[in-house]
Amino acid sequence: MLSYKDCLGLCDLTEAEIDAIAEHEHLPRLVALELGEYLIHSPEGVPMIRKMIIDDIAHARRHGDLERVLTLRATLRHFIQTHPDHVADQ
């Protein structure tokens, strides 16, 4: 049986990126990992994940959670660096 950590090791996303998807979609982390892995390999997926992270940043900012804003901004920077193919898509 595979654990969450095993699945994360096979995924093309980081734990922080998975957490952002889970937060945005209100999903358990394992389900968010599955969704993220599906999206990252679909043409529209990279822009969708990027938008989820941006939405999470806006939500954290509205709620005054500066620590979460900073964490998510670092997550977004890393995501854009590792998935630059669709940066211009908006």
N, C-alpha and C. Protein backbone atom coordinates (compact mmCIF):
# COMPACT_ATOMS: atom_id res chain seq x y z
N MET A 1 0.84 -1.17 0.00
CA MET A 1 0.00 0.00 0.00
C MET A 1 0.89 1.24 0.00
N LEU A 2 0.54 2.22 -0.83
CA LEU A 2 1.30 3.46 -0.91
C LEU A 2 0.82 4.46 0.12
N SER A 3 1.77 5.15 0.74
CA SER A 3 1.41 6.20 1.68
C SER A 3 1.32 7.54 0.95
N TYR A 4 0.87 8.57 1.65
CA TYR A 4 0.82 9.91 1.07
C TYR A 4 2.22 10.32 0.62
N LYS A 5 3.21 10.09 1.46
CA LYS A 5 4.60 10.46 1.12
C LYS A 5 5.07 9.71 -0.12
N ASP A 6 4.71 8.45 -0.27
CA ASP A 6 5.07 7.69 -1.48
C ASP A 6 4.45 8.35 -2.71
N CYS A 7 3.18 8.67 -2.61
CA CYS A 7 2.48 9.31 -3.74
C CYS A 7 3.08 10.67 -4.05
N LEU A 8 3.42 11.43 -3.02
CA LEU A 8 4.04 12.74 -3.21
C LEU A 8 5.37 12.61 -3.96
N GLY A 9 6.12 11.57 -3.64
CA GLY A 9 7.39 11.32 -4.32
C GLY A 9 7.23 11.02 -5.80
N LEU A 10 6.07 10.53 -6.18
CA LEU A 10 5.80 10.20 -7.59
C LEU A 10 5.13 11.36 -8.33
N CYS A 11 4.76 12.40 -7.61
CA CYS A 11 4.00 13.52 -8.17
C CYS A 11 4.95 14.60 -8.70
N ASP A 12 4.50 15.34 -9.69
CA ASP A 12 5.29 16.42 -10.26
C ASP A 12 5.00 17.77 -9.60
N LEU A 13 4.46 17.73 -8.40
CA LEU A 13 4.18 18.93 -7.62
C LEU A 13 4.82 18.80 -6.25
N THR A 14 5.06 19.94 -5.61
CA THR A 14 5.61 19.92 -4.26
C THR A 14 4.49 19.80 -3.23
N GLU A 15 4.87 19.51 -2.03
CA GLU A 15 3.88 19.42 -0.95
C GLU A 15 3.16 20.75 -0.76
N ALA A 16 3.88 21.86 -0.87
CA ALA A 16 3.26 23.18 -0.72
C ALA A 16 2.25 23.44 -1.84
N GLU A 17 2.55 23.00 -3.04
CA GLU A 17 1.63 23.16 -4.16
C GLU A 17 0.37 22.31 -3.95
N ILE A 18 0.56 21.11 -3.46
CA ILE A 18 -0.57 20.23 -3.15
C ILE A 18 -1.42 20.85 -2.04
N ASP A 19 -0.76 21.40 -1.03
CA ASP A 19 -1.50 22.04 0.06
C ASP A 19 -2.33 23.22 -0.45
N ALA A 20 -1.79 23.97 -1.41
CA ALA A 20 -2.53 25.10 -1.98
C ALA A 20 -3.76 24.61 -2.74
N ILE A 21 -3.62 23.52 -3.48
CA ILE A 21 -4.77 22.95 -4.18
C ILE A 21 -5.81 22.46 -3.17
N ALA A 22 -5.35 21.78 -2.13
CA ALA A 22 -6.27 21.27 -1.10
C ALA A 22 -7.03 22.42 -0.45
N GLU A 23 -6.31 23.49 -0.14
CA GLU A 23 -6.94 24.67 0.48
C GLU A 23 -7.97 25.28 -0.46
N HIS A 24 -7.59 25.48 -1.69
CA HIS A 24 -8.47 26.13 -2.67
C HIS A 24 -9.72 25.31 -2.95
N GLU A 25 -9.56 24.02 -3.10
CA GLU A 25 -10.66 23.14 -3.48
C GLU A 25 -11.37 22.49 -2.29
N HIS A 26 -10.88 22.77 -1.07
CA HIS A 26 -11.46 22.20 0.15
C HIS A 26 -11.47 20.67 0.07
N LEU A 27 -10.31 20.13 -0.24
CA LEU A 27 -10.14 18.69 -0.41
C LEU A 27 -9.13 18.14 0.59
N PRO A 28 -9.23 16.86 0.93
CA PRO A 28 -8.16 16.22 1.68
C PRO A 28 -6.88 16.23 0.83
N ARG A 29 -5.75 16.22 1.50
CA ARG A 29 -4.47 16.33 0.80
C ARG A 29 -4.26 15.23 -0.25
N LEU A 30 -4.64 14.01 0.05
CA LEU A 30 -4.44 12.93 -0.91
C LEU A 30 -5.28 13.13 -2.17
N VAL A 31 -6.50 13.59 -1.99
CA VAL A 31 -7.36 13.86 -3.15
C VAL A 31 -6.80 15.05 -3.94
N ALA A 32 -6.30 16.07 -3.23
CA ALA A 32 -5.68 17.22 -3.90
C ALA A 32 -4.43 16.79 -4.68
N LEU A 33 -3.69 15.85 -4.13
CA LEU A 33 -2.52 15.32 -4.83
C LEU A 33 -2.95 14.66 -6.13
N GLU A 34 -3.99 13.86 -6.07
CA GLU A 34 -4.49 13.19 -7.28
C GLU A 34 -4.96 14.21 -8.31
N LEU A 35 -5.71 15.21 -7.86
CA LEU A 35 -6.19 16.25 -8.76
C LEU A 35 -5.02 17.02 -9.36
N GLY A 36 -4.07 17.40 -8.54
CA GLY A 36 -2.91 18.15 -9.02
C GLY A 36 -2.09 17.36 -10.03
N GLU A 37 -1.91 16.10 -9.78
CA GLU A 37 -1.15 15.26 -10.71
C GLU A 37 -1.88 15.15 -12.04
N TYR A 38 -3.19 15.06 -12.00
CA TYR A 38 -3.97 15.04 -13.24
C TYR A 38 -3.83 16.38 -13.97
N LEU A 39 -4.02 17.48 -13.23
CA LEU A 39 -3.99 18.81 -13.86
C LEU A 39 -2.63 19.15 -14.44
N ILE A 40 -1.57 18.79 -13.75
CA ILE A 40 -0.23 19.18 -14.19
C ILE A 40 0.12 18.56 -15.54
N HIS A 41 -0.57 17.49 -15.89
CA HIS A 41 -0.31 16.82 -17.16
C HIS A 41 -1.37 17.11 -18.23
N SER A 42 -2.23 18.08 -17.95
CA SER A 42 -3.23 18.47 -18.94
C SER A 42 -2.91 19.89 -19.43
N PRO A 43 -3.26 20.21 -20.67
CA PRO A 43 -2.90 21.51 -21.23
C PRO A 43 -3.43 22.69 -20.42
N GLU A 44 -4.62 22.57 -19.88
CA GLU A 44 -5.19 23.69 -19.13
C GLU A 44 -4.84 23.64 -17.64
N GLY A 45 -4.17 22.60 -17.22
CA GLY A 45 -3.91 22.40 -15.80
C GLY A 45 -2.95 23.36 -15.15
N VAL A 46 -1.86 23.68 -15.83
CA VAL A 46 -0.86 24.58 -15.23
C VAL A 46 -1.48 25.96 -14.94
N PRO A 47 -2.19 26.57 -15.90
CA PRO A 47 -2.83 27.85 -15.57
C PRO A 47 -3.87 27.72 -14.45
N MET A 48 -4.57 26.59 -14.41
CA MET A 48 -5.57 26.39 -13.35
C MET A 48 -4.92 26.32 -11.97
N ILE A 49 -3.81 25.59 -11.87
CA ILE A 49 -3.12 25.48 -10.58
C ILE A 49 -2.55 26.84 -10.19
N ARG A 50 -1.97 27.55 -11.14
CA ARG A 50 -1.42 28.89 -10.87
C ARG A 50 -2.53 29.79 -10.33
N LYS A 51 -3.71 29.75 -10.93
CA LYS A 51 -4.83 30.58 -10.48
C LYS A 51 -5.30 30.17 -9.09
N MET A 52 -5.29 28.88 -8.80
CA MET A 52 -5.66 28.43 -7.45
C MET A 52 -4.74 29.05 -6.41
N ILE A 53 -3.44 29.03 -6.69
CA ILE A 53 -2.47 29.58 -5.73
C ILE A 53 -2.69 31.08 -5.59
N ILE A 54 -2.91 31.77 -6.70
CA ILE A 54 -3.17 33.22 -6.66
C ILE A 54 -4.44 33.50 -5.85
N ASP A 55 -5.49 32.72 -6.06
CA ASP A 55 -6.72 32.88 -5.28
C ASP A 55 -6.47 32.66 -3.79
N ASP A 56 -5.66 31.66 -3.46
CA ASP A 56 -5.33 31.39 -2.06
C ASP A 56 -4.57 32.57 -1.45
N ILE A 57 -3.69 33.19 -2.21
CA ILE A 57 -2.96 34.37 -1.73
C ILE A 57 -3.95 35.49 -1.42
N ALA A 58 -4.87 35.74 -2.34
CA ALA A 58 -5.86 36.80 -2.13
C ALA A 58 -6.72 36.51 -0.90
N HIS A 59 -7.11 35.25 -0.72
CA HIS A 59 -7.91 34.87 0.44
C HIS A 59 -7.12 35.12 1.73
N ALA A 60 -5.89 34.70 1.77
CA ALA A 60 -5.06 34.90 2.97
C ALA A 60 -4.86 36.39 3.24
N ARG A 61 -4.66 37.17 2.18
CA ARG A 61 -4.49 38.61 2.34
C ARG A 61 -5.76 39.25 2.92
N ARG A 62 -6.93 38.86 2.39
CA ARG A 62 -8.20 39.40 2.90
C ARG A 62 -8.40 39.08 4.39
N HIS A 63 -7.87 37.94 4.81
CA HIS A 63 -8.03 37.53 6.21
C HIS A 63 -6.84 37.95 7.09
N GLY A 64 -5.94 38.74 6.52
CA GLY A 64 -4.82 39.27 7.30
C GLY A 64 -3.80 38.24 7.72
N ASP A 65 -3.73 37.13 7.01
CA ASP A 65 -2.78 36.06 7.36
C ASP A 65 -1.49 36.26 6.57
N LEU A 66 -0.66 37.18 7.04
CA LEU A 66 0.57 37.56 6.34
C LEU A 66 1.53 36.37 6.18
N GLU A 67 1.62 35.54 7.19
CA GLU A 67 2.51 34.37 7.11
C GLU A 67 2.08 33.45 5.96
N ARG A 68 0.78 33.23 5.85
CA ARG A 68 0.26 32.38 4.76
C ARG A 68 0.48 33.04 3.40
N VAL A 69 0.31 34.35 3.33
CA VAL A 69 0.56 35.09 2.08
C VAL A 69 2.00 34.86 1.64
N LEU A 70 2.93 35.01 2.56
CA LEU A 70 4.35 34.84 2.22
C LEU A 70 4.66 33.41 1.78
N THR A 71 4.08 32.45 2.48
CA THR A 71 4.29 31.04 2.11
C THR A 71 3.74 30.76 0.72
N LEU A 72 2.54 31.24 0.46
CA LEU A 72 1.92 31.01 -0.85
C LEU A 72 2.64 31.75 -1.97
N ARG A 73 3.16 32.93 -1.69
CA ARG A 73 3.92 33.65 -2.72
C ARG A 73 5.19 32.88 -3.08
N ALA A 74 5.84 32.30 -2.09
CA ALA A 74 7.02 31.47 -2.37
C ALA A 74 6.61 30.22 -3.16
N THR A 75 5.46 29.66 -2.82
CA THR A 75 4.94 28.50 -3.54
C THR A 75 4.67 28.87 -4.99
N LEU A 76 4.05 30.02 -5.22
CA LEU A 76 3.75 30.48 -6.57
C LEU A 76 5.03 30.71 -7.37
N ARG A 77 6.02 31.34 -6.76
CA ARG A 77 7.31 31.57 -7.44
C ARG A 77 7.93 30.24 -7.87
N HIS A 78 7.94 29.28 -6.97
CA HIS A 78 8.52 27.98 -7.29
C HIS A 78 7.72 27.30 -8.40
N PHE A 79 6.39 27.38 -8.31
CA PHE A 79 5.55 26.75 -9.33
C PHE A 79 5.83 27.34 -10.71
N ILE A 80 5.92 28.65 -10.79
CA ILE A 80 6.19 29.32 -12.07
C ILE A 80 7.58 28.95 -12.59
N GLN A 81 8.55 28.86 -11.71
CA GLN A 81 9.91 28.47 -12.12
C GLN A 81 9.97 27.05 -12.64
N THR A 82 9.20 26.16 -12.05
CA THR A 82 9.27 24.76 -12.44
C THR A 82 8.28 24.38 -13.53
N HIS A 83 7.33 25.27 -13.80
CA HIS A 83 6.33 25.03 -14.84
C HIS A 83 6.16 26.30 -15.68
N PRO A 84 7.21 26.74 -16.36
CA PRO A 84 7.18 28.03 -17.06
C PRO A 84 6.42 28.02 -18.39
N ASP A 85 6.04 26.85 -18.86
CA ASP A 85 5.44 26.73 -20.19
C ASP A 85 4.23 27.62 -20.40
N HIS A 86 3.46 27.84 -19.35
CA HIS A 86 2.19 28.52 -19.51
C HIS A 86 2.13 29.84 -18.75
N VAL A 87 3.28 30.44 -18.43
CA VAL A 87 3.30 31.67 -17.64
C VAL A 87 2.55 32.79 -18.33
N ALA A 88 2.64 32.90 -19.64
CA ALA A 88 1.99 33.99 -20.37
C ALA A 88 0.49 33.79 -20.48
N ASP A 89 -0.01 32.58 -20.27
CA ASP A 89 -1.45 32.33 -20.36
C ASP A 89 -2.15 32.99 -19.17
N GLN A 90 -3.11 33.83 -19.41
CA GLN A 90 -3.85 34.48 -18.32
C GLN A 90 -5.30 34.51 -18.61
